[in-house]
Amino acid sequence: MEEEKDPSPEYIKGFNQMYKLKKETPEVTQQLLSAQAEGERFKGMTAGARQCEVERIREISQKGRNQSPEREI
């Protein structure tokens, strides 16, 4: 079994930067992620963008559930 380790400071920095950028300007994040760079910071950036997207989809889904009329059976 693989041992879990804390993410590096560069990974965390990339994650936080991209998460914030994805919320503010999603079109820019697509350009940055298409660079296909390597390294801990880029891995963090990719994960940050993905996490932001997951939360956005979850929020949209939740709004849809709250707004849809309940069906009576």
N, C-alpha and C. Protein backbone atom coordinates (compact mmCIF):
# COMPACT_ATOMS: atom_id res chain seq x y z
N MET A 1 0.84 -1.17 0.00
CA MET A 1 0.00 0.00 0.00
C MET A 1 0.89 1.24 0.00
N GLU A 2 0.50 2.22 -0.84
CA GLU A 2 1.28 3.45 -0.92
C GLU A 2 1.10 4.31 0.31
N GLU A 3 2.19 4.90 0.74
CA GLU A 3 2.14 5.79 1.89
C GLU A 3 1.70 7.18 1.43
N GLU A 4 0.73 7.77 2.12
CA GLU A 4 0.27 9.11 1.78
C GLU A 4 1.24 10.13 2.38
N LYS A 5 1.53 11.16 1.61
CA LYS A 5 2.39 12.21 2.11
C LYS A 5 1.74 13.56 1.84
N ASP A 6 2.13 14.54 2.61
CA ASP A 6 1.59 15.88 2.45
C ASP A 6 2.03 16.45 1.11
N PRO A 7 1.16 17.25 0.47
CA PRO A 7 1.58 17.88 -0.79
C PRO A 7 2.67 18.91 -0.54
N SER A 8 3.49 19.09 -1.55
CA SER A 8 4.59 20.05 -1.44
C SER A 8 4.05 21.48 -1.43
N PRO A 9 4.83 22.42 -0.93
CA PRO A 9 4.40 23.82 -0.95
C PRO A 9 4.12 24.33 -2.37
N GLU A 10 4.88 23.86 -3.35
CA GLU A 10 4.66 24.26 -4.74
C GLU A 10 3.33 23.74 -5.25
N TYR A 11 2.97 22.50 -4.89
CA TYR A 11 1.69 21.91 -5.28
C TYR A 11 0.55 22.74 -4.69
N ILE A 12 0.64 23.06 -3.43
CA ILE A 12 -0.41 23.84 -2.75
C ILE A 12 -0.53 25.22 -3.37
N LYS A 13 0.58 25.83 -3.67
CA LYS A 13 0.58 27.16 -4.28
C LYS A 13 -0.13 27.11 -5.64
N GLY A 14 0.22 26.13 -6.45
CA GLY A 14 -0.41 25.97 -7.76
C GLY A 14 -1.89 25.68 -7.64
N PHE A 15 -2.26 24.81 -6.69
CA PHE A 15 -3.66 24.47 -6.47
C PHE A 15 -4.47 25.72 -6.14
N ASN A 16 -4.00 26.48 -5.16
CA ASN A 16 -4.72 27.68 -4.72
C ASN A 16 -4.80 28.74 -5.81
N GLN A 17 -3.73 28.94 -6.54
CA GLN A 17 -3.73 29.94 -7.60
C GLN A 17 -4.73 29.57 -8.71
N MET A 18 -4.70 28.33 -9.13
CA MET A 18 -5.57 27.92 -10.23
C MET A 18 -7.03 27.84 -9.80
N TYR A 19 -7.27 27.43 -8.56
CA TYR A 19 -8.64 27.38 -8.05
C TYR A 19 -9.26 28.77 -8.12
N LYS A 20 -8.53 29.76 -7.64
CA LYS A 20 -9.02 31.14 -7.64
C LYS A 20 -9.18 31.66 -9.07
N LEU A 21 -8.21 31.39 -9.91
CA LEU A 21 -8.26 31.85 -11.29
C LEU A 21 -9.43 31.21 -12.04
N LYS A 22 -9.68 29.94 -11.79
CA LYS A 22 -10.79 29.23 -12.46
C LYS A 22 -12.12 29.85 -12.10
N LYS A 23 -12.28 30.28 -10.86
CA LYS A 23 -13.51 30.93 -10.43
C LYS A 23 -13.67 32.30 -11.10
N GLU A 24 -12.59 33.03 -11.23
CA GLU A 24 -12.65 34.40 -11.74
C GLU A 24 -12.61 34.48 -13.26
N THR A 25 -11.75 33.73 -13.90
CA THR A 25 -11.60 33.78 -15.36
C THR A 25 -11.35 32.38 -15.92
N PRO A 26 -12.41 31.59 -16.08
CA PRO A 26 -12.24 30.21 -16.53
C PRO A 26 -11.59 30.06 -17.90
N GLU A 27 -11.80 31.04 -18.79
CA GLU A 27 -11.20 30.93 -20.13
C GLU A 27 -9.67 30.98 -20.08
N VAL A 28 -9.13 31.71 -19.13
CA VAL A 28 -7.66 31.80 -18.99
C VAL A 28 -7.09 30.47 -18.49
N THR A 29 -7.81 29.82 -17.61
CA THR A 29 -7.31 28.55 -17.07
C THR A 29 -7.14 27.52 -18.16
N GLN A 30 -8.05 27.50 -19.13
CA GLN A 30 -7.93 26.53 -20.22
C GLN A 30 -6.65 26.74 -21.01
N GLN A 31 -6.30 27.99 -21.23
CA GLN A 31 -5.07 28.29 -21.95
C GLN A 31 -3.85 27.85 -21.15
N LEU A 32 -3.87 28.11 -19.86
CA LEU A 32 -2.73 27.73 -19.02
C LEU A 32 -2.58 26.21 -18.93
N LEU A 33 -3.70 25.51 -18.77
CA LEU A 33 -3.63 24.06 -18.62
C LEU A 33 -3.24 23.36 -19.92
N SER A 34 -3.46 24.02 -21.05
CA SER A 34 -3.09 23.41 -22.32
C SER A 34 -1.57 23.40 -22.52
N ALA A 35 -0.84 24.08 -21.66
CA ALA A 35 0.62 24.13 -21.77
C ALA A 35 1.26 22.76 -21.52
N GLN A 36 0.57 21.90 -20.80
CA GLN A 36 1.09 20.55 -20.50
C GLN A 36 2.47 20.59 -19.85
N ALA A 37 2.66 21.49 -18.94
CA ALA A 37 3.91 21.57 -18.20
C ALA A 37 4.00 20.42 -17.20
N GLU A 38 5.15 20.26 -16.61
CA GLU A 38 5.35 19.22 -15.61
C GLU A 38 5.79 19.86 -14.31
N GLY A 39 5.78 19.10 -13.26
CA GLY A 39 6.24 19.58 -11.98
C GLY A 39 5.11 19.65 -10.96
N GLU A 40 5.50 19.80 -9.72
CA GLU A 40 4.54 19.81 -8.62
C GLU A 40 3.55 20.97 -8.71
N ARG A 41 4.04 22.13 -9.10
CA ARG A 41 3.16 23.29 -9.16
C ARG A 41 2.08 23.09 -10.23
N PHE A 42 2.47 22.56 -11.39
CA PHE A 42 1.50 22.33 -12.45
C PHE A 42 0.50 21.25 -12.05
N LYS A 43 0.96 20.22 -11.36
CA LYS A 43 0.04 19.19 -10.86
C LYS A 43 -0.98 19.82 -9.92
N GLY A 44 -0.53 20.72 -9.06
CA GLY A 44 -1.44 21.42 -8.16
C GLY A 44 -2.41 22.30 -8.92
N MET A 45 -1.93 22.96 -9.97
CA MET A 45 -2.80 23.80 -10.79
C MET A 45 -3.90 22.98 -11.44
N THR A 46 -3.53 21.83 -11.96
CA THR A 46 -4.51 20.94 -12.59
C THR A 46 -5.55 20.49 -11.57
N ALA A 47 -5.09 20.11 -10.39
CA ALA A 47 -6.01 19.66 -9.34
C ALA A 47 -6.91 20.80 -8.86
N GLY A 48 -6.38 22.00 -8.76
CA GLY A 48 -7.18 23.14 -8.34
C GLY A 48 -8.28 23.46 -9.32
N ALA A 49 -7.96 23.42 -10.61
CA ALA A 49 -8.96 23.67 -11.65
C ALA A 49 -10.04 22.60 -11.62
N ARG A 50 -9.62 21.35 -11.44
CA ARG A 50 -10.57 20.24 -11.40
C ARG A 50 -11.49 20.36 -10.19
N GLN A 51 -10.95 20.72 -9.04
CA GLN A 51 -11.75 20.86 -7.82
C GLN A 51 -12.77 21.99 -7.97
N CYS A 52 -12.36 23.09 -8.56
CA CYS A 52 -13.27 24.21 -8.77
C CYS A 52 -14.42 23.78 -9.69
N GLU A 53 -14.11 23.02 -10.73
CA GLU A 53 -15.14 22.55 -11.66
C GLU A 53 -16.11 21.58 -10.98
N VAL A 54 -15.60 20.70 -10.16
CA VAL A 54 -16.45 19.77 -9.41
C VAL A 54 -17.42 20.54 -8.53
N GLU A 55 -16.92 21.54 -7.84
CA GLU A 55 -17.78 22.34 -6.96
C GLU A 55 -18.81 23.14 -7.75
N ARG A 56 -18.43 23.64 -8.94
CA ARG A 56 -19.36 24.39 -9.78
C ARG A 56 -20.50 23.48 -10.26
N ILE A 57 -20.16 22.28 -10.68
CA ILE A 57 -21.16 21.32 -11.14
C ILE A 57 -22.07 20.92 -9.99
N ARG A 58 -21.49 20.70 -8.83
CA ARG A 58 -22.28 20.33 -7.65
C ARG A 58 -23.27 21.45 -7.31
N GLU A 59 -22.81 22.70 -7.40
CA GLU A 59 -23.67 23.84 -7.09
C GLU A 59 -24.82 23.95 -8.09
N ILE A 60 -24.54 23.77 -9.37
CA ILE A 60 -25.57 23.81 -10.41
C ILE A 60 -26.57 22.69 -10.20
N SER A 61 -26.07 21.52 -9.90
CA SER A 61 -26.93 20.37 -9.66
C SER A 61 -27.85 20.60 -8.46
N GLN A 62 -27.30 21.16 -7.40
CA GLN A 62 -28.07 21.43 -6.20
C GLN A 62 -29.16 22.47 -6.48
N LYS A 63 -28.82 23.50 -7.25
CA LYS A 63 -29.81 24.53 -7.61
C LYS A 63 -30.94 23.91 -8.42
N GLY A 64 -30.60 23.01 -9.33
CA GLY A 64 -31.60 22.33 -10.15
C GLY A 64 -32.55 21.51 -9.30
N ARG A 65 -32.02 20.83 -8.31
CA ARG A 65 -32.87 20.03 -7.41
C ARG A 65 -33.79 20.92 -6.59
N ASN A 66 -33.26 22.05 -6.15
CA ASN A 66 -34.06 22.96 -5.33
C ASN A 66 -35.14 23.67 -6.14
N GLN A 67 -34.93 23.87 -7.42
CA GLN A 67 -35.88 24.61 -8.24
C GLN A 67 -36.90 23.71 -8.93
N SER A 68 -36.61 22.44 -9.09
CA SER A 68 -37.55 21.57 -9.80
C SER A 68 -38.74 21.27 -8.91
N PRO A 69 -39.94 21.29 -9.51
CA PRO A 69 -41.14 21.00 -8.71
C PRO A 69 -41.14 19.54 -8.27
N GLU A 70 -41.59 19.32 -7.08
CA GLU A 70 -41.63 17.95 -6.57
C GLU A 70 -42.78 17.20 -7.22
N ARG A 71 -42.51 15.99 -7.60
CA ARG A 71 -43.53 15.16 -8.23
C ARG A 71 -44.30 14.40 -7.16
N GLU A 72 -45.57 14.34 -7.37
CA GLU A 72 -46.40 13.54 -6.46
C GLU A 72 -46.66 12.21 -7.12
N ILE A 73 -46.54 11.19 -6.36
CA ILE A 73 -46.75 9.83 -6.89
C ILE A 73 -48.06 9.29 -6.37
